[in-house]
Amino acid sequence: MLNDSMLRWRCRRGKKELDVLLGRFLDQRLSGLGPAQRAALERLVALEDEDLLDLILGRSMTADEDAATVLRWLGSSA
């Protein structure tokens, strides 16, 4: 599992929209993430920008329940 500063670094993205959204999400929710949700966030930020954006915007879905929870939180951070 990544430490907080490494996770913040991994959340820096090429797309400004994702960079802002993920930064806001981390500011609001990082300290409250449980181990399963934190691991799901790490899996999500390992995706390509377009794939992650599609998930956040609901253009594609995931079967991963923990990732789906993080995605709902990300959507509400917008």
Protein backbone atom coordinates (compact mmCIF):
# COMPACT_ATOMS: atom_id res chain seq x y z
CA MET A 1 0.00 0.00 0.00
CA LEU A 2 1.25 3.46 -0.92
CA ASN A 3 1.88 6.08 1.76
CA ASP A 4 -0.13 9.32 1.57
CA SER A 5 2.47 11.33 -0.32
CA MET A 6 3.04 8.57 -2.89
CA LEU A 7 -0.71 8.20 -3.39
CA ARG A 8 -1.03 11.96 -3.92
CA TRP A 9 1.78 11.79 -6.48
CA ARG A 10 0.04 8.92 -8.33
CA CYS A 11 -3.15 11.01 -8.42
CA ARG A 12 -1.42 13.75 -10.43
CA ARG A 13 -2.74 13.31 -13.94
CA GLY A 14 -2.18 14.59 -17.44
CA LYS A 15 -5.80 15.70 -17.72
CA LYS A 16 -6.39 18.84 -15.68
CA GLU A 17 -9.96 17.78 -14.88
CA LEU A 18 -8.76 14.55 -13.27
CA ASP A 19 -5.93 16.32 -11.48
CA VAL A 20 -8.36 18.77 -9.87
CA LEU A 21 -10.99 16.13 -9.10
CA LEU A 22 -8.55 13.67 -7.54
CA GLY A 23 -6.82 16.41 -5.56
CA ARG A 24 -10.14 17.61 -4.15
CA PHE A 25 -11.13 14.03 -3.34
CA LEU A 26 -7.89 13.41 -1.47
CA ASP A 27 -8.28 16.64 0.50
CA GLN A 28 -11.81 15.66 1.53
CA ARG A 29 -11.65 11.90 1.97
CA LEU A 30 -8.11 10.48 2.20
CA SER A 31 -7.99 10.33 6.00
CA GLY A 32 -11.34 8.51 6.12
CA LEU A 33 -10.58 5.79 3.58
CA GLY A 34 -10.53 2.27 4.92
CA PRO A 35 -7.94 -0.23 3.69
CA ALA A 36 -10.28 -1.71 1.05
CA GLN A 37 -11.26 1.70 -0.36
CA ARG A 38 -7.65 2.89 -0.31
CA ALA A 39 -6.57 -0.23 -2.23
CA ALA A 40 -9.43 0.40 -4.69
CA LEU A 41 -8.26 3.99 -5.18
CA GLU A 42 -4.75 2.72 -5.90
CA ARG A 43 -6.18 0.35 -8.52
CA LEU A 44 -8.20 3.17 -10.05
CA VAL A 45 -5.29 5.61 -10.32
CA ALA A 46 -3.27 2.89 -12.04
CA LEU A 47 -5.71 3.15 -14.98
CA GLU A 48 -5.14 5.34 -18.02
CA ASP A 49 -6.72 8.80 -17.79
CA GLU A 50 -9.46 8.08 -20.34
CA ASP A 51 -10.45 4.81 -18.65
CA LEU A 52 -10.57 6.47 -15.24
CA LEU A 53 -12.58 9.39 -16.57
CA ASP A 54 -15.07 7.00 -18.23
CA LEU A 55 -15.58 5.27 -14.87
CA ILE A 56 -16.02 8.54 -12.98
CA LEU A 57 -18.49 9.88 -15.53
CA GLY A 58 -20.44 6.62 -15.63
CA ARG A 59 -19.64 5.88 -19.27
CA SER A 60 -18.28 2.52 -18.14
CA MET A 61 -18.84 0.38 -15.05
CA THR A 62 -16.77 -1.74 -12.71
CA ALA A 63 -17.69 -4.97 -10.95
CA ASP A 64 -15.28 -4.08 -8.11
CA GLU A 65 -17.57 -2.98 -5.24
CA ASP A 66 -14.87 -1.08 -3.39
CA ALA A 67 -13.87 0.75 -6.57
CA ALA A 68 -17.54 1.54 -7.24
CA THR A 69 -17.79 3.10 -3.76
CA VAL A 70 -14.70 5.23 -4.39
CA LEU A 71 -16.08 6.24 -7.79
CA ARG A 72 -19.36 7.38 -6.20
CA TRP A 73 -17.37 9.47 -3.72
CA LEU A 74 -15.25 10.87 -6.53
CA GLY A 75 -18.39 11.83 -8.43
CA SER A 76 -19.78 13.61 -5.39
CA SER A 77 -16.50 15.54 -4.97
CA ALA A 78 -16.91 17.18 -8.36
